[in-house]
Amino acid sequence: MTVRNLFLICLFGICSSSEASQNQQLLDRIEALERTQTELMHVVERLSKSDSCAKALSAKCNGIDLTHLNKRLEGNTLSLSTCTRSCIHYPTTPVAFSAYINHSVDKLVHGAVIPFERVTTNEGNAFNGGTGIFTCPKSGLYLFMWNVMVDQGHQTQISFVVNGATRRWSYAVATAINAGYQNAANHDIVRLNEGDKVWIADDYASGEIHPHHTTFSGVLLSQ
């Protein structure tokens, strides 16, 4: 065999090997493209199903008559509003007062009405600062609050009185241990009838009741 023939045989083998490698690469790329195409088809199919479900849901919603539901809701709202107005009767004319004593008070006898001569608020003019008595101008539910201050070394017991009957008490002791002023404070919510009388009374006070911080207030909550 000549050298020329050997050269041709070697060259043919090299070319065949290169073509086989290229063919394999092409086959691999084709398979990858086929897999990608299959995956894309699955995605399109899922999107198509989702779109169909959305259209079906939209058709169902469009088929619902909301007019009847809206009317029922409006009716329930009106019923609730009517019930609220009928259950809670807010006062049309306000009744409220707030007062305090502007001078020291001592030597009160048991059961004496504490005067609150300094009246800062008196809506309805139902509180008499000179006597310290509130006269109910209209029946309803009332809130009352009071505070009585005593100084060190003294004590006091206060009564909240309605028509002569005590409903609540408050008590304060200002000893050397808790040096300083002490307050006897409390509150009460009571239903009154027109003409009922309310006041704060001194059950026992061993010293002066201090001004400015000794207060009495009341307000009509509802009728």
N, C-alpha and C. Protein backbone atom coordinates (compact mmCIF):
# COMPACT_ATOMS: atom_id res chain seq x y z
N MET A 1 0.86 -1.18 0.00
CA MET A 1 0.00 0.00 0.00
C MET A 1 0.90 1.23 0.00
N THR A 2 0.55 2.16 -0.83
CA THR A 2 1.40 3.34 -0.98
C THR A 2 1.12 4.33 0.14
N VAL A 3 2.04 5.20 0.27
CA VAL A 3 1.89 6.26 1.29
C VAL A 3 0.68 7.12 1.01
N ARG A 4 0.39 7.31 -0.27
CA ARG A 4 -0.76 8.14 -0.66
C ARG A 4 -2.04 7.51 -0.17
N ASN A 5 -2.15 6.19 -0.33
CA ASN A 5 -3.38 5.50 0.10
C ASN A 5 -3.55 5.56 1.61
N LEU A 6 -2.47 5.38 2.33
CA LEU A 6 -2.54 5.47 3.79
C LEU A 6 -3.01 6.85 4.24
N PHE A 7 -2.56 7.88 3.56
CA PHE A 7 -2.96 9.24 3.92
C PHE A 7 -4.45 9.46 3.70
N LEU A 8 -4.95 8.91 2.58
CA LEU A 8 -6.38 9.07 2.27
C LEU A 8 -7.25 8.34 3.29
N ILE A 9 -6.78 7.15 3.69
CA ILE A 9 -7.55 6.38 4.67
C ILE A 9 -7.62 7.13 6.01
N CYS A 10 -6.52 7.68 6.45
CA CYS A 10 -6.50 8.43 7.72
C CYS A 10 -7.40 9.66 7.65
N LEU A 11 -7.33 10.37 6.52
CA LEU A 11 -8.15 11.57 6.34
C LEU A 11 -9.63 11.24 6.38
N PHE A 12 -10.03 10.12 5.76
CA PHE A 12 -11.44 9.70 5.74
C PHE A 12 -11.92 9.35 7.15
N GLY A 13 -11.06 8.73 7.93
CA GLY A 13 -11.44 8.36 9.30
C GLY A 13 -11.65 9.59 10.17
N ILE A 14 -10.77 10.57 9.98
CA ILE A 14 -10.90 11.81 10.78
C ILE A 14 -12.19 12.53 10.44
N CYS A 15 -12.50 12.62 9.16
CA CYS A 15 -13.73 13.31 8.73
C CYS A 15 -14.97 12.60 9.23
N SER A 16 -14.93 11.26 9.17
CA SER A 16 -16.10 10.49 9.64
C SER A 16 -16.34 10.72 11.13
N SER A 17 -15.27 10.74 11.91
CA SER A 17 -15.39 10.96 13.35
C SER A 17 -15.95 12.35 13.65
N SER A 18 -15.52 13.38 12.94
CA SER A 18 -16.00 14.74 13.14
C SER A 18 -17.48 14.86 12.79
N GLU A 19 -17.89 14.23 11.69
CA GLU A 19 -19.30 14.28 11.29
C GLU A 19 -20.18 13.58 12.31
N ALA A 20 -19.70 12.47 12.85
CA ALA A 20 -20.49 11.74 13.85
C ALA A 20 -20.70 12.59 15.10
N SER A 21 -19.65 13.32 15.51
CA SER A 21 -19.76 14.18 16.69
C SER A 21 -20.77 15.30 16.46
N GLN A 22 -20.71 15.89 15.27
CA GLN A 22 -21.64 16.97 14.94
C GLN A 22 -23.07 16.46 14.88
N ASN A 23 -23.24 15.27 14.32
CA ASN A 23 -24.58 14.70 14.24
C ASN A 23 -25.16 14.45 15.63
N GLN A 24 -24.32 13.98 16.55
CA GLN A 24 -24.79 13.71 17.90
C GLN A 24 -25.22 15.01 18.60
N GLN A 25 -24.45 16.06 18.38
CA GLN A 25 -24.81 17.36 18.95
C GLN A 25 -26.14 17.86 18.42
N LEU A 26 -26.35 17.66 17.12
CA LEU A 26 -27.63 18.07 16.53
C LEU A 26 -28.79 17.29 17.12
N LEU A 27 -28.57 15.97 17.31
CA LEU A 27 -29.63 15.14 17.90
C LEU A 27 -29.95 15.60 19.33
N ASP A 28 -28.92 15.93 20.10
CA ASP A 28 -29.14 16.40 21.47
C ASP A 28 -29.94 17.70 21.49
N ARG A 29 -29.63 18.60 20.56
CA ARG A 29 -30.35 19.86 20.50
C ARG A 29 -31.81 19.64 20.11
N ILE A 30 -32.03 18.75 19.19
CA ILE A 30 -33.40 18.46 18.75
C ILE A 30 -34.22 17.90 19.90
N GLU A 31 -33.62 16.97 20.67
CA GLU A 31 -34.33 16.40 21.82
C GLU A 31 -34.65 17.48 22.87
N ALA A 32 -33.71 18.39 23.09
CA ALA A 32 -33.94 19.47 24.05
C ALA A 32 -35.08 20.37 23.59
N LEU A 33 -35.10 20.67 22.29
CA LEU A 33 -36.18 21.50 21.74
C LEU A 33 -37.52 20.79 21.85
N GLU A 34 -37.53 19.49 21.64
CA GLU A 34 -38.78 18.74 21.75
C GLU A 34 -39.30 18.75 23.19
N ARG A 35 -38.38 18.61 24.16
CA ARG A 35 -38.80 18.68 25.56
C ARG A 35 -39.37 20.05 25.91
N THR A 36 -38.69 21.09 25.43
CA THR A 36 -39.18 22.46 25.68
C THR A 36 -40.55 22.67 25.07
N GLN A 37 -40.72 22.15 23.86
CA GLN A 37 -42.02 22.28 23.20
C GLN A 37 -43.12 21.57 23.99
N THR A 38 -42.81 20.40 24.51
CA THR A 38 -43.80 19.66 25.30
C THR A 38 -44.17 20.42 26.57
N GLU A 39 -43.17 20.97 27.24
CA GLU A 39 -43.43 21.74 28.46
C GLU A 39 -44.29 22.97 28.16
N LEU A 40 -44.00 23.65 27.05
CA LEU A 40 -44.78 24.82 26.67
C LEU A 40 -46.23 24.44 26.37
N MET A 41 -46.42 23.30 25.76
CA MET A 41 -47.78 22.84 25.48
C MET A 41 -48.55 22.59 26.77
N HIS A 42 -47.87 22.03 27.79
CA HIS A 42 -48.51 21.81 29.08
C HIS A 42 -48.90 23.14 29.74
N VAL A 43 -47.99 24.12 29.65
CA VAL A 43 -48.27 25.44 30.22
C VAL A 43 -49.47 26.08 29.54
N VAL A 44 -49.51 25.99 28.22
CA VAL A 44 -50.64 26.56 27.47
C VAL A 44 -51.93 25.87 27.86
N GLU A 45 -51.87 24.56 28.05
CA GLU A 45 -53.07 23.81 28.43
C GLU A 45 -53.58 24.25 29.81
N ARG A 46 -52.65 24.43 30.78
CA ARG A 46 -53.05 24.87 32.11
C ARG A 46 -53.64 26.28 32.08
N LEU A 47 -53.01 27.16 31.30
CA LEU A 47 -53.54 28.52 31.19
C LEU A 47 -54.92 28.53 30.56
N SER A 48 -55.12 27.66 29.60
CA SER A 48 -56.43 27.57 28.95
C SER A 48 -57.50 27.13 29.94
N LYS A 49 -57.15 26.15 30.80
CA LYS A 49 -58.11 25.68 31.81
C LYS A 49 -58.42 26.79 32.82
N SER A 50 -57.37 27.54 33.25
CA SER A 50 -57.59 28.63 34.20
C SER A 50 -58.49 29.70 33.60
N ASP A 51 -58.27 30.00 32.33
CA ASP A 51 -59.10 31.00 31.66
C ASP A 51 -60.55 30.54 31.57
N SER A 52 -60.73 29.26 31.32
CA SER A 52 -62.09 28.71 31.25
C SER A 52 -62.79 28.81 32.60
N CYS A 53 -62.05 28.49 33.69
CA CYS A 53 -62.62 28.59 35.03
C CYS A 53 -62.99 30.04 35.37
N ALA A 54 -62.11 30.97 34.99
CA ALA A 54 -62.38 32.38 35.27
C ALA A 54 -63.62 32.85 34.53
N LYS A 55 -63.76 32.42 33.27
CA LYS A 55 -64.94 32.82 32.49
C LYS A 55 -66.21 32.22 33.09
N ALA A 56 -66.12 30.97 33.55
CA ALA A 56 -67.30 30.33 34.15
C ALA A 56 -67.71 31.04 35.44
N LEU A 57 -66.70 31.41 36.28
CA LEU A 57 -66.99 32.12 37.52
C LEU A 57 -67.59 33.49 37.24
N SER A 58 -67.05 34.17 36.23
CA SER A 58 -67.58 35.47 35.87
C SER A 58 -69.02 35.37 35.40
N ALA A 59 -69.31 34.32 34.64
CA ALA A 59 -70.68 34.13 34.16
C ALA A 59 -71.64 33.90 35.33
N LYS A 60 -71.19 33.13 36.34
CA LYS A 60 -72.04 32.88 37.51
C LYS A 60 -72.29 34.17 38.29
N CYS A 61 -71.23 34.97 38.47
CA CYS A 61 -71.38 36.22 39.21
C CYS A 61 -72.31 37.19 38.48
N ASN A 62 -72.18 37.24 37.17
CA ASN A 62 -73.04 38.13 36.39
C ASN A 62 -74.49 37.69 36.45
N GLY A 63 -74.68 36.42 36.72
CA GLY A 63 -76.04 35.90 36.76
C GLY A 63 -76.74 36.13 38.09
N ILE A 64 -75.99 36.60 39.12
CA ILE A 64 -76.58 36.82 40.44
C ILE A 64 -77.27 38.19 40.48
N ASP A 65 -78.49 38.20 40.95
CA ASP A 65 -79.24 39.45 41.08
C ASP A 65 -78.95 40.07 42.46
N LEU A 66 -78.13 41.13 42.47
CA LEU A 66 -77.75 41.76 43.72
C LEU A 66 -78.78 42.77 44.21
N THR A 67 -79.76 43.08 43.41
CA THR A 67 -80.76 44.08 43.81
C THR A 67 -81.51 43.65 45.07
N HIS A 68 -81.91 42.38 45.09
CA HIS A 68 -82.65 41.87 46.24
C HIS A 68 -81.79 41.90 47.50
N LEU A 69 -80.52 41.52 47.35
CA LEU A 69 -79.62 41.52 48.51
C LEU A 69 -79.40 42.94 49.02
N ASN A 70 -79.27 43.90 48.11
CA ASN A 70 -79.08 45.28 48.53
C ASN A 70 -80.30 45.81 49.28
N LYS A 71 -81.49 45.45 48.81
CA LYS A 71 -82.72 45.89 49.48
C LYS A 71 -82.81 45.30 50.88
N ARG A 72 -82.43 44.02 51.01
CA ARG A 72 -82.46 43.39 52.33
C ARG A 72 -81.47 44.07 53.27
N LEU A 73 -80.28 44.39 52.75
CA LEU A 73 -79.27 45.06 53.57
C LEU A 73 -79.76 46.44 54.02
N GLU A 74 -80.38 47.18 53.11
CA GLU A 74 -80.91 48.49 53.47
C GLU A 74 -82.01 48.37 54.53
N GLY A 75 -82.85 47.34 54.39
CA GLY A 75 -83.91 47.12 55.37
C GLY A 75 -83.36 46.80 56.74
N ASN A 76 -82.31 45.96 56.78
CA ASN A 76 -81.70 45.63 58.06
C ASN A 76 -81.06 46.85 58.71
N THR A 77 -80.44 47.70 57.89
CA THR A 77 -79.82 48.91 58.41
C THR A 77 -80.86 49.84 59.03
N LEU A 78 -82.00 50.00 58.34
CA LEU A 78 -83.07 50.84 58.87
C LEU A 78 -83.64 50.27 60.16
N SER A 79 -83.77 48.95 60.20
CA SER A 79 -84.31 48.31 61.41
C SER A 79 -83.38 48.53 62.59
N LEU A 80 -82.06 48.39 62.34
CA LEU A 80 -81.09 48.61 63.41
C LEU A 80 -81.12 50.05 63.90
N SER A 81 -81.23 50.98 62.96
CA SER A 81 -81.28 52.39 63.34
C SER A 81 -82.52 52.70 64.16
N THR A 82 -83.66 52.13 63.76
CA THR A 82 -84.90 52.34 64.50
C THR A 82 -84.82 51.75 65.90
N CYS A 83 -84.22 50.54 65.99
CA CYS A 83 -84.07 49.88 67.29
C CYS A 83 -83.18 50.70 68.21
N THR A 84 -82.10 51.25 67.66
CA THR A 84 -81.19 52.06 68.47
C THR A 84 -81.89 53.29 69.02
N ARG A 85 -82.67 53.95 68.16
CA ARG A 85 -83.38 55.15 68.62
C ARG A 85 -84.44 54.82 69.66
N SER A 86 -85.07 53.65 69.52
CA SER A 86 -86.13 53.29 70.46
C SER A 86 -85.57 52.80 71.79
N CYS A 87 -84.37 52.19 71.75
CA CYS A 87 -83.78 51.65 72.98
C CYS A 87 -83.03 52.71 73.77
N ILE A 88 -82.43 53.66 73.08
CA ILE A 88 -81.65 54.69 73.76
C ILE A 88 -82.28 56.05 73.46
N HIS A 89 -82.80 56.69 74.48
CA HIS A 89 -83.43 58.00 74.32
C HIS A 89 -82.45 59.07 74.82
N TYR A 90 -81.75 59.67 73.88
CA TYR A 90 -80.81 60.71 74.26
C TYR A 90 -81.57 61.98 74.65
N PRO A 91 -81.07 62.67 75.65
CA PRO A 91 -81.77 63.89 76.09
C PRO A 91 -81.75 64.96 75.01
N THR A 92 -82.92 65.56 74.79
CA THR A 92 -83.00 66.64 73.81
C THR A 92 -82.49 67.95 74.40
N THR A 93 -82.73 68.13 75.70
CA THR A 93 -82.22 69.30 76.41
C THR A 93 -81.21 68.84 77.45
N PRO A 94 -79.98 69.30 77.39
CA PRO A 94 -78.96 68.79 78.32
C PRO A 94 -79.21 69.21 79.76
N VAL A 95 -78.86 68.31 80.66
CA VAL A 95 -78.88 68.60 82.09
C VAL A 95 -77.52 68.20 82.64
N ALA A 96 -76.78 69.16 83.15
CA ALA A 96 -75.44 68.87 83.68
C ALA A 96 -75.03 70.00 84.62
N PHE A 97 -74.27 69.63 85.65
CA PHE A 97 -73.76 70.65 86.56
C PHE A 97 -72.40 70.23 87.10
N SER A 98 -71.64 71.22 87.50
CA SER A 98 -70.34 70.99 88.15
C SER A 98 -70.10 72.15 89.11
N ALA A 99 -69.70 71.80 90.35
CA ALA A 99 -69.52 72.85 91.36
C ALA A 99 -68.44 72.44 92.35
N TYR A 100 -67.92 73.43 93.07
CA TYR A 100 -66.93 73.16 94.11
C TYR A 100 -67.08 74.20 95.22
N ILE A 101 -66.47 73.90 96.38
CA ILE A 101 -66.49 74.88 97.47
C ILE A 101 -65.25 75.77 97.34
N ASN A 102 -65.43 77.05 97.57
CA ASN A 102 -64.29 77.97 97.42
C ASN A 102 -63.78 78.50 98.76
N HIS A 103 -64.20 77.85 99.86
CA HIS A 103 -63.65 78.20 101.17
C HIS A 103 -63.69 76.94 102.04
N SER A 104 -62.84 76.91 103.05
CA SER A 104 -62.78 75.74 103.94
C SER A 104 -64.08 75.59 104.72
N VAL A 105 -64.48 74.34 104.92
CA VAL A 105 -65.71 74.04 105.65
C VAL A 105 -65.36 73.16 106.84
N ASP A 106 -65.80 73.54 108.04
CA ASP A 106 -65.56 72.71 109.22
C ASP A 106 -66.77 72.77 110.14
N LYS A 107 -66.70 72.02 111.20
CA LYS A 107 -67.75 71.97 112.22
C LYS A 107 -69.11 71.62 111.62
N LEU A 108 -69.10 70.68 110.67
CA LEU A 108 -70.36 70.20 110.11
C LEU A 108 -70.96 69.15 111.04
N VAL A 109 -72.26 69.19 111.21
CA VAL A 109 -72.92 68.18 112.02
C VAL A 109 -73.21 66.96 111.16
N HIS A 110 -73.45 65.84 111.82
CA HIS A 110 -73.72 64.59 111.10
C HIS A 110 -74.94 64.75 110.18
N GLY A 111 -74.73 64.39 108.92
CA GLY A 111 -75.82 64.45 107.95
C GLY A 111 -76.01 65.79 107.29
N ALA A 112 -75.16 66.77 107.63
CA ALA A 112 -75.29 68.10 107.05
C ALA A 112 -74.96 68.08 105.56
N VAL A 113 -75.75 68.81 104.79
CA VAL A 113 -75.50 68.92 103.35
C VAL A 113 -74.28 69.81 103.13
N ILE A 114 -73.36 69.33 102.31
CA ILE A 114 -72.17 70.13 101.99
C ILE A 114 -72.54 71.12 100.90
N PRO A 115 -72.36 72.41 101.13
CA PRO A 115 -72.69 73.39 100.09
C PRO A 115 -71.56 73.47 99.05
N PHE A 116 -71.95 73.58 97.81
CA PHE A 116 -70.98 73.77 96.72
C PHE A 116 -71.37 75.07 96.02
N GLU A 117 -70.96 76.18 96.65
CA GLU A 117 -71.47 77.47 96.22
C GLU A 117 -70.86 77.98 94.91
N ARG A 118 -69.71 77.44 94.56
CA ARG A 118 -69.06 77.89 93.32
C ARG A 118 -69.50 76.97 92.18
N VAL A 119 -70.48 77.40 91.38
CA VAL A 119 -71.04 76.57 90.30
C VAL A 119 -70.41 77.00 88.98
N THR A 120 -69.73 76.08 88.32
CA THR A 120 -69.06 76.39 87.05
C THR A 120 -69.90 75.99 85.84
N THR A 121 -70.73 74.99 86.00
CA THR A 121 -71.63 74.55 84.92
C THR A 121 -72.99 74.23 85.53
N ASN A 122 -74.05 74.70 84.85
CA ASN A 122 -75.39 74.42 85.38
C ASN A 122 -76.40 74.39 84.23
N GLU A 123 -76.20 73.44 83.32
CA GLU A 123 -77.12 73.28 82.19
C GLU A 123 -78.46 72.75 82.70
N GLY A 124 -79.53 73.49 82.46
CA GLY A 124 -80.84 73.09 82.95
C GLY A 124 -81.19 73.76 84.27
N ASN A 125 -80.21 74.45 84.89
CA ASN A 125 -80.44 75.19 86.16
C ASN A 125 -81.09 74.33 87.23
N ALA A 126 -80.62 73.10 87.36
CA ALA A 126 -81.22 72.18 88.33
C ALA A 126 -80.43 72.10 89.64
N PHE A 127 -79.22 72.67 89.66
CA PHE A 127 -78.40 72.60 90.87
C PHE A 127 -78.42 73.94 91.59
N ASN A 128 -78.64 73.88 92.89
CA ASN A 128 -78.65 75.08 93.73
C ASN A 128 -77.34 75.13 94.52
N GLY A 129 -76.47 76.07 94.16
CA GLY A 129 -75.18 76.15 94.83
C GLY A 129 -75.30 76.57 96.28
N GLY A 130 -76.33 77.35 96.61
CA GLY A 130 -76.48 77.81 97.98
C GLY A 130 -76.85 76.69 98.93
N THR A 131 -77.71 75.79 98.48
CA THR A 131 -78.13 74.67 99.33
C THR A 131 -77.31 73.41 99.08
N GLY A 132 -76.65 73.33 97.91
CA GLY A 132 -75.89 72.13 97.56
C GLY A 132 -76.78 70.98 97.10
N ILE A 133 -78.04 71.29 96.73
CA ILE A 133 -78.99 70.24 96.35
C ILE A 133 -79.31 70.31 94.86
N PHE A 134 -79.30 69.14 94.21
CA PHE A 134 -79.71 69.01 92.82
C PHE A 134 -81.15 68.50 92.79
N THR A 135 -82.02 69.21 92.08
CA THR A 135 -83.42 68.81 91.93
C THR A 135 -83.63 68.34 90.50
N CYS A 136 -83.99 67.08 90.32
CA CYS A 136 -84.10 66.47 88.99
C CYS A 136 -85.18 67.18 88.16
N PRO A 137 -84.80 67.77 87.02
CA PRO A 137 -85.78 68.48 86.20
C PRO A 137 -86.55 67.57 85.24
N LYS A 138 -85.99 66.40 84.93
CA LYS A 138 -86.66 65.46 84.03
C LYS A 138 -86.19 64.05 84.35
N SER A 139 -87.10 63.11 84.24
CA SER A 139 -86.78 61.72 84.57
C SER A 139 -85.74 61.17 83.60
N GLY A 140 -84.85 60.32 84.12
CA GLY A 140 -83.83 59.73 83.28
C GLY A 140 -82.72 59.09 84.09
N LEU A 141 -81.69 58.66 83.37
CA LEU A 141 -80.53 58.01 83.99
C LEU A 141 -79.43 59.05 84.16
N TYR A 142 -78.94 59.19 85.39
CA TYR A 142 -77.96 60.24 85.72
C TYR A 142 -76.67 59.63 86.25
N LEU A 143 -75.58 60.33 85.97
CA LEU A 143 -74.27 60.00 86.54
C LEU A 143 -73.86 61.13 87.47
N PHE A 144 -73.44 60.76 88.71
CA PHE A 144 -72.97 61.74 89.69
C PHE A 144 -71.56 61.35 90.14
N MET A 145 -70.72 62.37 90.36
CA MET A 145 -69.34 62.17 90.83
C MET A 145 -69.02 63.20 91.90
N TRP A 146 -68.25 62.79 92.90
CA TRP A 146 -67.89 63.73 93.96
C TRP A 146 -66.51 63.42 94.52
N ASN A 147 -65.90 64.45 95.08
CA ASN A 147 -64.59 64.31 95.72
C ASN A 147 -64.50 65.31 96.88
N VAL A 148 -64.10 64.82 98.05
CA VAL A 148 -63.95 65.68 99.23
C VAL A 148 -62.53 65.50 99.78
N MET A 149 -61.82 66.60 99.98
CA MET A 149 -60.42 66.55 100.41
C MET A 149 -60.28 66.96 101.88
N VAL A 150 -59.46 66.19 102.63
CA VAL A 150 -59.11 66.54 104.01
C VAL A 150 -57.58 66.56 104.13
N ASP A 151 -57.08 67.26 105.17
CA ASP A 151 -55.63 67.37 105.29
C ASP A 151 -55.08 66.38 106.32
N GLN A 152 -53.76 66.42 106.51
CA GLN A 152 -53.06 65.48 107.37
C GLN A 152 -53.60 65.51 108.80
N GLY A 153 -53.77 64.29 109.34
CA GLY A 153 -54.22 64.17 110.71
C GLY A 153 -55.73 64.16 110.86
N HIS A 154 -56.45 64.17 109.75
CA HIS A 154 -57.91 64.21 109.83
C HIS A 154 -58.51 63.13 108.93
N GLN A 155 -59.80 62.93 109.07
CA GLN A 155 -60.50 61.94 108.26
C GLN A 155 -61.92 62.42 107.99
N THR A 156 -62.54 61.77 107.01
CA THR A 156 -63.91 62.14 106.68
C THR A 156 -64.64 60.96 106.06
N GLN A 157 -65.95 60.95 106.25
CA GLN A 157 -66.82 59.98 105.59
C GLN A 157 -67.96 60.76 104.95
N ILE A 158 -68.17 60.50 103.65
CA ILE A 158 -69.13 61.27 102.86
C ILE A 158 -70.24 60.34 102.36
N SER A 159 -71.47 60.86 102.33
CA SER A 159 -72.62 60.09 101.84
C SER A 159 -73.18 60.74 100.58
N PHE A 160 -73.56 59.88 99.62
CA PHE A 160 -74.30 60.34 98.45
C PHE A 160 -75.77 60.02 98.71
N VAL A 161 -76.60 61.05 98.76
CA VAL A 161 -77.98 60.91 99.24
C VAL A 161 -78.98 61.22 98.14
N VAL A 162 -79.98 60.35 97.99
CA VAL A 162 -81.09 60.57 97.06
C VAL A 162 -82.39 60.54 97.85
N ASN A 163 -83.09 61.66 97.88
CA ASN A 163 -84.37 61.76 98.60
C ASN A 163 -84.25 61.31 100.06
N GLY A 164 -83.13 61.66 100.68
CA GLY A 164 -82.95 61.36 102.09
C GLY A 164 -82.36 60.00 102.40
N ALA A 165 -82.18 59.16 101.38
CA ALA A 165 -81.61 57.81 101.58
C ALA A 165 -80.20 57.75 101.00
N THR A 166 -79.27 57.25 101.81
CA THR A 166 -77.88 57.14 101.35
C THR A 166 -77.73 55.98 100.37
N ARG A 167 -77.09 56.25 99.22
CA ARG A 167 -76.85 55.22 98.21
C ARG A 167 -75.38 54.80 98.16
N ARG A 168 -74.47 55.73 98.39
CA ARG A 168 -73.03 55.43 98.31
C ARG A 168 -72.29 56.19 99.40
N TRP A 169 -71.10 55.65 99.75
CA TRP A 169 -70.23 56.31 100.71
C TRP A 169 -68.84 56.47 100.10
N SER A 170 -68.10 57.40 100.64
CA SER A 170 -66.66 57.51 100.34
C SER A 170 -65.96 57.91 101.63
N TYR A 171 -64.72 57.46 101.79
CA TYR A 171 -64.03 57.60 103.07
C TYR A 171 -62.56 57.92 102.82
N ALA A 172 -62.00 58.80 103.63
CA ALA A 172 -60.58 59.15 103.50
C ALA A 172 -59.98 59.40 104.87
N VAL A 173 -58.74 58.91 105.07
CA VAL A 173 -58.00 59.13 106.32
C VAL A 173 -56.63 59.69 105.95
N ALA A 174 -56.32 60.87 106.42
CA ALA A 174 -55.02 61.49 106.17
C ALA A 174 -54.20 61.40 107.46
N THR A 175 -53.45 60.33 107.62
CA THR A 175 -52.66 60.11 108.84
C THR A 175 -51.25 60.65 108.67
N ALA A 176 -50.48 60.54 109.74
CA ALA A 176 -49.08 60.99 109.68
C ALA A 176 -48.27 60.10 108.75
N ILE A 177 -48.71 58.85 108.60
CA ILE A 177 -47.97 57.91 107.74
C ILE A 177 -48.10 58.30 106.28
N ASN A 178 -49.33 58.59 105.84
CA ASN A 178 -49.52 58.99 104.45
C ASN A 178 -49.63 60.51 104.36
N ALA A 179 -48.66 61.17 104.97
CA ALA A 179 -48.69 62.63 105.15
C ALA A 179 -49.15 63.34 103.88
N GLY A 180 -50.00 64.33 104.11
CA GLY A 180 -50.51 65.09 102.99
C GLY A 180 -52.03 65.03 102.93
N TYR A 181 -52.58 65.54 101.88
CA TYR A 181 -54.02 65.55 101.70
C TYR A 181 -54.51 64.19 101.21
N GLN A 182 -55.74 63.85 101.59
CA GLN A 182 -56.39 62.63 101.12
C GLN A 182 -57.78 62.97 100.59
N ASN A 183 -58.26 62.15 99.65
CA ASN A 183 -59.54 62.43 98.99
C ASN A 183 -60.53 61.30 99.22
N ALA A 184 -61.75 61.69 99.53
CA ALA A 184 -62.86 60.74 99.61
C ALA A 184 -63.68 60.93 98.33
N ALA A 185 -63.49 60.04 97.37
CA ALA A 185 -64.12 60.19 96.05
C ALA A 185 -64.91 58.94 95.69
N ASN A 186 -65.96 59.14 94.91
CA ASN A 186 -66.76 58.02 94.43
C ASN A 186 -67.69 58.53 93.33
N HIS A 187 -68.50 57.63 92.78
CA HIS A 187 -69.48 58.02 91.77
C HIS A 187 -70.65 57.05 91.82
N ASP A 188 -71.74 57.42 91.16
CA ASP A 188 -72.91 56.55 91.13
C ASP A 188 -73.74 56.87 89.89
N ILE A 189 -74.38 55.85 89.36
CA ILE A 189 -75.33 56.01 88.25
C ILE A 189 -76.70 55.62 88.79
N VAL A 190 -77.64 56.52 88.68
CA VAL A 190 -78.95 56.31 89.31
C VAL A 190 -80.05 56.82 88.38
N ARG A 191 -81.17 56.09 88.37
CA ARG A 191 -82.34 56.55 87.61
C ARG A 191 -83.21 57.40 88.53
N LEU A 192 -83.47 58.62 88.09
CA LEU A 192 -84.24 59.57 88.89
C LEU A 192 -85.56 59.91 88.21
N ASN A 193 -86.51 60.28 89.02
CA ASN A 193 -87.77 60.82 88.53
C ASN A 193 -87.78 62.33 88.72
N GLU A 194 -88.58 62.99 87.92
CA GLU A 194 -88.67 64.45 88.02
C GLU A 194 -89.05 64.85 89.45
N GLY A 195 -88.29 65.78 89.99
CA GLY A 195 -88.54 66.25 91.35
C GLY A 195 -87.69 65.59 92.41
N ASP A 196 -87.01 64.48 92.09
CA ASP A 196 -86.12 63.84 93.06
C ASP A 196 -84.99 64.80 93.44
N LYS A 197 -84.50 64.65 94.67
CA LYS A 197 -83.44 65.54 95.15
C LYS A 197 -82.19 64.73 95.52
N VAL A 198 -81.04 65.28 95.15
CA VAL A 198 -79.76 64.60 95.34
C VAL A 198 -78.78 65.58 95.99
N TRP A 199 -77.99 65.09 96.95
CA TRP A 199 -76.97 65.93 97.56
C TRP A 199 -75.85 65.08 98.17
N ILE A 200 -74.80 65.77 98.58
CA ILE A 200 -73.66 65.15 99.26
C ILE A 200 -73.71 65.58 100.73
N ALA A 201 -73.64 64.61 101.64
CA ALA A 201 -73.73 64.91 103.08
C ALA A 201 -72.46 64.48 103.80
N ASP A 202 -72.18 65.16 104.89
CA ASP A 202 -71.02 64.83 105.73
C ASP A 202 -71.47 63.90 106.85
N ASP A 203 -70.99 62.65 106.82
CA ASP A 203 -71.29 61.72 107.90
C ASP A 203 -70.38 61.95 109.10
N TYR A 204 -69.10 62.26 108.77
CA TYR A 204 -68.14 62.48 109.86
C TYR A 204 -66.91 63.17 109.28
N ALA A 205 -66.51 64.27 109.88
CA ALA A 205 -65.30 64.97 109.47
C ALA A 205 -64.59 65.47 110.72
N SER A 206 -63.35 65.04 110.90
CA SER A 206 -62.59 65.43 112.09
C SER A 206 -61.80 66.71 111.87
N GLY A 207 -61.85 67.26 110.69
CA GLY A 207 -61.11 68.48 110.41
C GLY A 207 -61.77 69.24 109.28
N GLU A 208 -61.04 70.18 108.73
CA GLU A 208 -61.58 71.02 107.67
C GLU A 208 -61.70 70.25 106.35
N ILE A 209 -62.75 70.57 105.63
CA ILE A 209 -62.88 70.13 104.24
C ILE A 209 -62.30 71.24 103.37
N HIS A 210 -61.34 70.86 102.54
CA HIS A 210 -60.58 71.87 101.80
C HIS A 210 -61.32 72.35 100.56
N PRO A 211 -61.13 73.62 100.23
CA PRO A 211 -61.79 74.19 99.06
C PRO A 211 -61.12 73.78 97.75
N HIS A 212 -61.78 74.13 96.66
CA HIS A 212 -61.27 73.98 95.30
C HIS A 212 -61.17 72.52 94.85
N HIS A 213 -60.63 71.65 95.71
CA HIS A 213 -60.52 70.23 95.33
C HIS A 213 -61.72 69.42 95.81
N THR A 214 -62.64 70.04 96.50
CA THR A 214 -63.87 69.37 96.93
C THR A 214 -64.95 69.72 95.91
N THR A 215 -65.38 68.72 95.14
CA THR A 215 -66.24 68.97 93.98
C THR A 215 -67.45 68.05 93.96
N PHE A 216 -68.44 68.45 93.18
CA PHE A 216 -69.67 67.67 92.99
C PHE A 216 -70.17 67.93 91.57
N SER A 217 -70.42 66.85 90.81
CA SER A 217 -70.85 66.98 89.42
C SER A 217 -71.92 65.95 89.10
N GLY A 218 -72.74 66.27 88.10
CA GLY A 218 -73.77 65.34 87.65
C GLY A 218 -74.16 65.63 86.22
N VAL A 219 -74.67 64.61 85.52
CA VAL A 219 -75.07 64.78 84.13
C VAL A 219 -76.17 63.78 83.78
N LEU A 220 -77.11 64.21 82.97
CA LEU A 220 -78.17 63.34 82.47
C LEU A 220 -77.61 62.52 81.31
N LEU A 221 -77.64 61.19 81.43
CA LEU A 221 -77.11 60.31 80.39
C LEU A 221 -78.15 60.00 79.33
N SER A 222 -79.34 59.61 79.77
CA SER A 222 -80.41 59.27 78.83
C SER A 222 -81.75 59.36 79.52
N GLN A 223 -82.81 59.49 78.71
CA GLN A 223 -84.16 59.58 79.25
C GLN A 223 -84.93 58.29 79.01
